[in-house]
């Protein structure tokens, strides 16, 4: 895009956001934030700041960085901006990511509430939003002791993710399904799911998520051995 559309500033703003996400996957969070800042500046100059406000990339960068509170703030900002303009489809995904950030902070009731919002907004063919809210709700159910329901929901979400081209969504769904199994006391059955997730993260080049998945796999192996 840089080479083909070097004179198109709107395209430049968009590829800067894409590059920011990829830099975050490599662990270059300062660089990712710098690229997002440049993208926002361009959009502001063009009179299109709403494009930056509604983007989910800033939240994804913070989620990868491990700052769930900042990720929540970013996702909520995107959700609110999308709500103001009456958008539903992208708002369904934003709500699901708010739920993921809340779950990471162990704020389970709020997380479940946003999964319900996402479910209500998401059309039937929006696989990304459906997978995202389903996996977070499954983990909340598991933590509340509703293991059978949680495992069923997580399995359906992983199967749905498997029909998508997005390997990151596939990998995250596998890790979330493994987490549901771990919470149900079935760590021995979760390892193969995490190994598959690691391969997918590595295929994408997501160094950060692959490392977290390997750490999770080590935890599972220790739990199975004890």
C-alpha atoms as a PDB file:
ATOM      1  CA  UNK A   1       0.000   0.000   0.000  1.00  0.00           C
ATOM      2  CA  UNK A   2       2.849   2.384   0.780  1.00  0.00           C
ATOM      3  CA  UNK A   3       4.286   1.835  -2.687  1.00  0.00           C
ATOM      4  CA  UNK A   4       1.046   1.838  -4.661  1.00  0.00           C
ATOM      5  CA  UNK A   5      -0.790   4.662  -2.886  1.00  0.00           C
ATOM      6  CA  UNK A   6       2.012   6.914  -1.662  1.00  0.00           C
ATOM      7  CA  UNK A   7      -0.016  10.045  -2.461  1.00  0.00           C
ATOM      8  CA  UNK A   8      -3.223   8.923  -0.730  1.00  0.00           C
ATOM      9  CA  UNK A   9      -3.221  10.048   2.894  1.00  0.00           C
ATOM     10  CA  UNK A  10      -6.396   8.181   3.847  1.00  0.00           C
ATOM     11  CA  UNK A  11      -4.845   4.925   2.675  1.00  0.00           C
ATOM     12  CA  UNK A  12      -1.685   5.850   4.571  1.00  0.00           C
ATOM     13  CA  UNK A  13      -3.674   6.301   7.785  1.00  0.00           C
ATOM     14  CA  UNK A  14      -5.231   2.872   7.297  1.00  0.00           C
ATOM     15  CA  UNK A  15      -2.013   0.984   6.623  1.00  0.00           C
ATOM     16  CA  UNK A  16      -0.383   2.707   9.598  1.00  0.00           C
ATOM     17  CA  UNK A  17      -3.065   1.145  11.818  1.00  0.00           C
ATOM     18  CA  UNK A  18      -2.486  -2.233  10.229  1.00  0.00           C
ATOM     19  CA  UNK A  19       1.244  -1.944  10.785  1.00  0.00           C
ATOM     20  CA  UNK A  20       0.612  -0.939  14.400  1.00  0.00           C
ATOM     21  CA  UNK A  21      -1.230  -4.195  15.034  1.00  0.00           C
ATOM     22  CA  UNK A  22       1.599  -6.205  13.473  1.00  0.00           C
ATOM     23  CA  UNK A  23       4.259  -4.353  15.465  1.00  0.00           C
ATOM     24  CA  UNK A  24       2.339  -5.117  18.657  1.00  0.00           C
ATOM     25  CA  UNK A  25       2.298  -8.813  17.762  1.00  0.00           C
ATOM     26  CA  UNK A  26       6.093  -8.640  17.637  1.00  0.00           C
ATOM     27  CA  UNK A  27       6.206  -6.977  21.042  1.00  0.00           C
ATOM     28  CA  UNK A  28       7.148  -3.531  19.685  1.00  0.00           C
ATOM     29  CA  UNK A  29       4.486  -1.672  21.643  1.00  0.00           C
ATOM     30  CA  UNK A  30       6.127   1.755  21.606  1.00  0.00           C
ATOM     31  CA  UNK A  31       6.454   1.531  17.844  1.00  0.00           C
ATOM     32  CA  UNK A  32       2.825   0.418  17.548  1.00  0.00           C
ATOM     33  CA  UNK A  33       1.627   3.402  19.570  1.00  0.00           C
ATOM     34  CA  UNK A  34       3.792   5.721  17.493  1.00  0.00           C
ATOM     35  CA  UNK A  35       2.205   4.436  14.272  1.00  0.00           C
ATOM     36  CA  UNK A  36      -1.273   4.854  15.734  1.00  0.00           C
ATOM     37  CA  UNK A  37      -0.409   8.423  16.680  1.00  0.00           C
ATOM     38  CA  UNK A  38       0.668   9.181  13.123  1.00  0.00           C
ATOM     39  CA  UNK A  39      -2.527   7.627  11.798  1.00  0.00           C
ATOM     40  CA  UNK A  40      -4.641   9.790  14.124  1.00  0.00           C
ATOM     41  CA  UNK A  41      -2.773  12.929  13.040  1.00  0.00           C
ATOM     42  CA  UNK A  42      -3.426  12.224   9.366  1.00  0.00           C
ATOM     43  CA  UNK A  43      -7.114  11.519   9.955  1.00  0.00           C
ATOM     44  CA  UNK A  44      -7.442  14.694  11.999  1.00  0.00           C
ATOM     45  CA  UNK A  45      -5.818  16.696   9.201  1.00  0.00           C
ATOM     46  CA  UNK A  46      -8.245  15.139   6.731  1.00  0.00           C
ATOM     47  CA  UNK A  47     -11.225  16.001   8.910  1.00  0.00           C
ATOM     48  CA  UNK A  48     -11.989  12.334   9.566  1.00  0.00           C
ATOM     49  CA  UNK A  49     -11.102  11.800  13.261  1.00  0.00           C
ATOM     50  CA  UNK A  50     -14.100   9.499  13.709  1.00  0.00           C
ATOM     51  CA  UNK A  51     -12.306   6.802  11.710  1.00  0.00           C
ATOM     52  CA  UNK A  52      -9.576   6.692  14.339  1.00  0.00           C
ATOM     53  CA  UNK A  53     -12.048   6.910  17.224  1.00  0.00           C
ATOM     54  CA  UNK A  54     -14.030   3.881  16.066  1.00  0.00           C
ATOM     55  CA  UNK A  55     -10.974   1.716  15.311  1.00  0.00           C
ATOM     56  CA  UNK A  56     -10.405  -1.324  17.548  1.00  0.00           C
ATOM     57  CA  UNK A  57      -6.668  -1.464  16.843  1.00  0.00           C
ATOM     58  CA  UNK A  58      -5.617   0.775  19.778  1.00  0.00           C
ATOM     59  CA  UNK A  59      -7.430  -1.545  22.155  1.00  0.00           C
ATOM     60  CA  UNK A  60      -5.902  -4.622  20.548  1.00  0.00           C
ATOM     61  CA  UNK A  61      -2.428  -3.117  20.916  1.00  0.00           C
ATOM     62  CA  UNK A  62      -3.004  -2.541  24.639  1.00  0.00           C
ATOM     63  CA  UNK A  63      -4.492  -6.000  25.074  1.00  0.00           C
ATOM     64  CA  UNK A  64      -1.351  -7.499  23.541  1.00  0.00           C
ATOM     65  CA  UNK A  65       0.794  -5.287  25.763  1.00  0.00           C
ATOM     66  CA  UNK A  66      -0.895  -6.798  28.818  1.00  0.00           C
ATOM     67  CA  UNK A  67      -2.595  -3.577  29.956  1.00  0.00           C
ATOM     68  CA  UNK A  68      -6.186  -4.783  30.228  1.00  0.00           C
ATOM     69  CA  UNK A  69      -7.382  -1.594  31.924  1.00  0.00           C
ATOM     70  CA  UNK A  70      -6.101   0.622  29.103  1.00  0.00           C
ATOM     71  CA  UNK A  71      -7.430  -1.861  26.548  1.00  0.00           C
ATOM     72  CA  UNK A  72     -10.855  -1.596  28.176  1.00  0.00           C
ATOM     73  CA  UNK A  73     -10.703   2.197  27.990  1.00  0.00           C
ATOM     74  CA  UNK A  74      -9.813   2.083  24.298  1.00  0.00           C
ATOM     75  CA  UNK A  75     -12.469  -0.470  23.427  1.00  0.00           C
ATOM     76  CA  UNK A  76     -15.133   1.422  25.385  1.00  0.00           C
ATOM     77  CA  UNK A  77     -14.199   4.586  23.489  1.00  0.00           C
ATOM     78  CA  UNK A  78     -14.642   2.760  20.168  1.00  0.00           C
ATOM     79  CA  UNK A  79     -17.915   1.234  21.345  1.00  0.00           C
ATOM     80  CA  UNK A  80     -19.283   4.620  22.432  1.00  0.00           C
ATOM     81  CA  UNK A  81     -18.296   6.279  19.142  1.00  0.00           C
ATOM     82  CA  UNK A  82     -19.947   3.520  17.131  1.00  0.00           C
ATOM     83  CA  UNK A  83     -23.080   3.788  19.263  1.00  0.00           C
ATOM     84  CA  UNK A  84     -23.281   7.544  18.691  1.00  0.00           C
ATOM     85  CA  UNK A  85     -23.406   7.076  14.917  1.00  0.00           C
ATOM     86  CA  UNK A  86     -25.919   4.220  15.161  1.00  0.00           C
ATOM     87  CA  UNK A  87     -23.556   1.520  13.865  1.00  0.00           C
ATOM     88  CA  UNK A  88     -24.383  -2.037  14.955  1.00  0.00           C
ATOM     89  CA  UNK A  89     -22.109  -4.597  13.286  1.00  0.00           C
ATOM     90  CA  UNK A  90     -18.756  -3.146  14.312  1.00  0.00           C
ATOM     91  CA  UNK A  91     -20.246  -2.256  17.705  1.00  0.00           C
ATOM     92  CA  UNK A  92     -20.970  -5.944  18.278  1.00  0.00           C
ATOM     93  CA  UNK A  93     -17.268  -6.704  17.901  1.00  0.00           C
ATOM     94  CA  UNK A  94     -16.304  -3.717  20.046  1.00  0.00           C
ATOM     95  CA  UNK A  95     -18.624  -4.902  22.819  1.00  0.00           C
ATOM     96  CA  UNK A  96     -17.101  -8.371  22.657  1.00  0.00           C
ATOM     97  CA  UNK A  97     -13.614  -6.927  23.055  1.00  0.00           C
ATOM     98  CA  UNK A  98     -14.750  -4.781  25.983  1.00  0.00           C
ATOM     99  CA  UNK A  99     -15.916  -8.047  27.535  1.00  0.00           C
ATOM    100  CA  UNK A 100     -12.519  -9.678  26.948  1.00  0.00           C
ATOM    101  CA  UNK A 101     -10.698  -6.763  28.589  1.00  0.00           C
ATOM    102  CA  UNK A 102     -13.084  -6.854  31.553  1.00  0.00           C
ATOM    103  CA  UNK A 103     -12.604 -10.604  31.938  1.00  0.00           C
ATOM    104  CA  UNK A 104      -8.838 -10.081  32.041  1.00  0.00           C
ATOM    105  CA  UNK A 105      -9.462  -7.810  35.057  1.00  0.00           C
ATOM    106  CA  UNK A 106     -11.696 -10.467  36.676  1.00  0.00           C
ATOM    107  CA  UNK A 107     -14.733  -8.191  36.426  1.00  0.00           C
ATOM    108  CA  UNK A 108     -16.978 -11.068  35.500  1.00  0.00           C
ATOM    109  CA  UNK A 109     -20.472  -9.556  35.801  1.00  0.00           C
ATOM    110  CA  UNK A 110     -19.547  -6.627  33.577  1.00  0.00           C
ATOM    111  CA  UNK A 111     -17.823  -8.948  31.130  1.00  0.00           C
ATOM    112  CA  UNK A 112     -20.898 -11.136  30.834  1.00  0.00           C
ATOM    113  CA  UNK A 113     -23.106  -8.069  30.348  1.00  0.00           C
ATOM    114  CA  UNK A 114     -21.045  -6.961  27.363  1.00  0.00           C
ATOM    115  CA  UNK A 115     -21.180 -10.451  25.859  1.00  0.00           C
ATOM    116  CA  UNK A 116     -24.958 -10.145  25.976  1.00  0.00           C
ATOM    117  CA  UNK A 117     -24.781  -6.757  24.239  1.00  0.00           C
ATOM    118  CA  UNK A 118     -22.530  -8.230  21.556  1.00  0.00           C
ATOM    119  CA  UNK A 119     -24.815 -11.221  21.073  1.00  0.00           C
ATOM    120  CA  UNK A 120     -27.826  -8.939  20.648  1.00  0.00           C
ATOM    121  CA  UNK A 121     -26.060  -6.703  18.103  1.00  0.00           C
ATOM    122  CA  UNK A 122     -24.189  -9.296  16.043  1.00  0.00           C
ATOM    123  CA  UNK A 123     -25.853 -10.598  12.864  1.00  0.00           C
ATOM    124  CA  UNK A 124     -25.884 -14.347  12.349  1.00  0.00           C
ATOM    125  CA  UNK A 125     -23.143 -14.211   9.716  1.00  0.00           C
ATOM    126  CA  UNK A 126     -20.728 -12.155  11.842  1.00  0.00           C
ATOM    127  CA  UNK A 127     -18.503 -15.033  12.874  1.00  0.00           C
ATOM    128  CA  UNK A 128     -15.816 -12.812  14.419  1.00  0.00           C
ATOM    129  CA  UNK A 129     -18.184 -11.192  16.917  1.00  0.00           C
ATOM    130  CA  UNK A 130     -19.921 -14.486  17.670  1.00  0.00           C
ATOM    131  CA  UNK A 131     -16.646 -16.237  18.428  1.00  0.00           C
ATOM    132  CA  UNK A 132     -15.404 -13.341  20.537  1.00  0.00           C
ATOM    133  CA  UNK A 133     -18.419 -13.006  22.816  1.00  0.00           C
ATOM    134  CA  UNK A 134     -18.916 -16.766  23.054  1.00  0.00           C
ATOM    135  CA  UNK A 135     -15.409 -17.523  24.266  1.00  0.00           C
ATOM    136  CA  UNK A 136     -15.472 -14.840  26.945  1.00  0.00           C
ATOM    137  CA  UNK A 137     -18.897 -15.907  28.168  1.00  0.00           C
ATOM    138  CA  UNK A 138     -17.766 -19.523  28.236  1.00  0.00           C
ATOM    139  CA  UNK A 139     -14.917 -18.603  30.570  1.00  0.00           C
ATOM    140  CA  UNK A 140     -17.265 -16.637  32.819  1.00  0.00           C
ATOM    141  CA  UNK A 141     -19.630 -19.627  32.953  1.00  0.00           C
ATOM    142  CA  UNK A 142     -16.731 -21.924  33.816  1.00  0.00           C
ATOM    143  CA  UNK A 143     -15.609 -19.674  36.654  1.00  0.00           C
ATOM    144  CA  UNK A 144     -19.183 -19.738  37.967  1.00  0.00           C
ATOM    145  CA  UNK A 145     -19.117 -23.543  38.018  1.00  0.00           C
ATOM    146  CA  UNK A 146     -21.379 -24.071  34.986  1.00  0.00           C
ATOM    147  CA  UNK A 147     -18.816 -26.315  33.337  1.00  0.00           C
ATOM    148  CA  UNK A 148     -20.967 -28.345  30.958  1.00  0.00           C
ATOM    149  CA  UNK A 149     -22.583 -25.235  29.510  1.00  0.00           C
ATOM    150  CA  UNK A 150     -19.206 -23.509  29.301  1.00  0.00           C
ATOM    151  CA  UNK A 151     -17.510 -26.392  27.515  1.00  0.00           C
ATOM    152  CA  UNK A 152     -20.322 -26.667  24.979  1.00  0.00           C
ATOM    153  CA  UNK A 153     -20.225 -22.944  24.194  1.00  0.00           C
ATOM    154  CA  UNK A 154     -16.425 -22.881  23.937  1.00  0.00           C
ATOM    155  CA  UNK A 155     -16.426 -25.922  21.630  1.00  0.00           C
ATOM    156  CA  UNK A 156     -18.987 -24.311  19.315  1.00  0.00           C
ATOM    157  CA  UNK A 157     -16.975 -21.092  19.230  1.00  0.00           C
ATOM    158  CA  UNK A 158     -13.764 -22.942  18.353  1.00  0.00           C
ATOM    159  CA  UNK A 159     -15.567 -24.838  15.584  1.00  0.00           C
ATOM    160  CA  UNK A 160     -16.950 -21.581  14.195  1.00  0.00           C
ATOM    161  CA  UNK A 161     -13.510 -19.957  14.334  1.00  0.00           C
ATOM    162  CA  UNK A 162     -12.136 -22.909  12.388  1.00  0.00           C
ATOM    163  CA  UNK A 163     -14.328 -21.874   9.452  1.00  0.00           C
ATOM    164  CA  UNK A 164     -12.655 -18.446   9.320  1.00  0.00           C
ATOM    165  CA  UNK A 165      -9.496 -17.387   7.512  1.00  0.00           C
ATOM    166  CA  UNK A 166      -8.269 -15.406  10.521  1.00  0.00           C
ATOM    167  CA  UNK A 167      -5.686 -17.625  12.212  1.00  0.00           C
ATOM    168  CA  UNK A 168      -5.472 -15.294  15.212  1.00  0.00           C
ATOM    169  CA  UNK A 169      -9.180 -15.752  15.927  1.00  0.00           C
ATOM    170  CA  UNK A 170      -8.743 -19.508  15.544  1.00  0.00           C
ATOM    171  CA  UNK A 171      -5.785 -19.536  17.938  1.00  0.00           C
ATOM    172  CA  UNK A 172      -7.515 -17.420  20.570  1.00  0.00           C
ATOM    173  CA  UNK A 173     -10.641 -19.591  20.435  1.00  0.00           C
ATOM    174  CA  UNK A 174      -8.499 -22.690  20.995  1.00  0.00           C
ATOM    175  CA  UNK A 175      -6.758 -21.078  23.960  1.00  0.00           C
ATOM    176  CA  UNK A 176     -10.068 -19.987  25.443  1.00  0.00           C
ATOM    177  CA  UNK A 177     -11.490 -23.476  25.033  1.00  0.00           C
ATOM    178  CA  UNK A 178      -8.413 -24.840  26.792  1.00  0.00           C
ATOM    179  CA  UNK A 179      -8.929 -22.334  29.607  1.00  0.00           C
ATOM    180  CA  UNK A 180     -12.525 -23.512  30.026  1.00  0.00           C
ATOM    181  CA  UNK A 181     -11.287 -27.106  30.299  1.00  0.00           C
ATOM    182  CA  UNK A 182      -8.669 -26.074  32.858  1.00  0.00           C
ATOM    183  CA  UNK A 183     -11.288 -24.314  34.958  1.00  0.00           C
ATOM    184  CA  UNK A 184     -13.360 -27.489  34.825  1.00  0.00           C
ATOM    185  CA  UNK A 185     -10.397 -29.446  36.236  1.00  0.00           C
ATOM    186  CA  UNK A 186      -9.548 -31.088  32.915  1.00  0.00           C
ATOM    187  CA  UNK A 187      -6.072 -29.695  32.303  1.00  0.00           C
ATOM    188  CA  UNK A 188      -4.928 -32.974  30.771  1.00  0.00           C
ATOM    189  CA  UNK A 189      -7.372 -32.528  27.883  1.00  0.00           C
ATOM    190  CA  UNK A 190      -6.418 -28.925  27.161  1.00  0.00           C
ATOM    191  CA  UNK A 191      -2.794 -29.285  26.124  1.00  0.00           C
ATOM    192  CA  UNK A 192      -3.391 -30.320  22.519  1.00  0.00           C
ATOM    193  CA  UNK A 193      -5.623 -27.277  21.990  1.00  0.00           C
ATOM    194  CA  UNK A 194      -2.898 -24.923  23.195  1.00  0.00           C
ATOM    195  CA  UNK A 195      -0.285 -26.641  21.020  1.00  0.00           C
ATOM    196  CA  UNK A 196      -2.489 -26.017  17.988  1.00  0.00           C
ATOM    197  CA  UNK A 197      -2.898 -22.392  19.059  1.00  0.00           C
ATOM    198  CA  UNK A 198       0.867 -21.955  19.350  1.00  0.00           C
ATOM    199  CA  UNK A 199       1.352 -23.198  15.791  1.00  0.00           C
ATOM    200  CA  UNK A 200      -1.255 -20.740  14.524  1.00  0.00           C
ATOM    201  CA  UNK A 201       0.269 -17.813  16.417  1.00  0.00           C
ATOM    202  CA  UNK A 202       3.678 -18.702  15.026  1.00  0.00           C
ATOM    203  CA  UNK A 203       2.215 -18.995  11.530  1.00  0.00           C
ATOM    204  CA  UNK A 204       0.913 -15.432  11.910  1.00  0.00           C
ATOM    205  CA  UNK A 205       4.128 -14.148  13.433  1.00  0.00           C
ATOM    206  CA  UNK A 206       2.399 -13.187  16.682  1.00  0.00           C
ATOM    207  CA  UNK A 207       5.396 -13.580  18.959  1.00  0.00           C
ATOM    208  CA  UNK A 208       3.617 -12.125  22.002  1.00  0.00           C
ATOM    209  CA  UNK A 209       0.609 -14.447  21.901  1.00  0.00           C
ATOM    210  CA  UNK A 210       2.749 -17.483  21.092  1.00  0.00           C
ATOM    211  CA  UNK A 211       4.862 -16.821  24.186  1.00  0.00           C
ATOM    212  CA  UNK A 212       1.764 -16.483  26.366  1.00  0.00           C
ATOM    213  CA  UNK A 213       0.351 -19.687  24.925  1.00  0.00           C
ATOM    214  CA  UNK A 214       3.593 -21.537  25.695  1.00  0.00           C
ATOM    215  CA  UNK A 215       3.489 -20.246  29.278  1.00  0.00           C
ATOM    216  CA  UNK A 216      -0.113 -21.454  29.527  1.00  0.00           C
ATOM    217  CA  UNK A 217       0.923 -24.856  28.184  1.00  0.00           C
ATOM    218  CA  UNK A 218       3.611 -25.096  30.872  1.00  0.00           C
ATOM    219  CA  UNK A 219       0.989 -24.344  33.539  1.00  0.00           C
ATOM    220  CA  UNK A 220      -1.258 -27.075  32.154  1.00  0.00           C
ATOM    221  CA  UNK A 221       1.572 -29.594  32.129  1.00  0.00           C
ATOM    222  CA  UNK A 222       2.470 -28.782  35.724  1.00  0.00           C
ATOM    223  CA  UNK A 223      -1.179 -29.132  36.767  1.00  0.00           C
ATOM    224  CA  UNK A 224      -1.473 -32.503  35.017  1.00  0.00           C
ATOM    225  CA  UNK A 225       1.706 -33.751  36.653  1.00  0.00           C
ATOM    226  CA  UNK A 226       0.694 -32.760  40.167  1.00  0.00           C
END
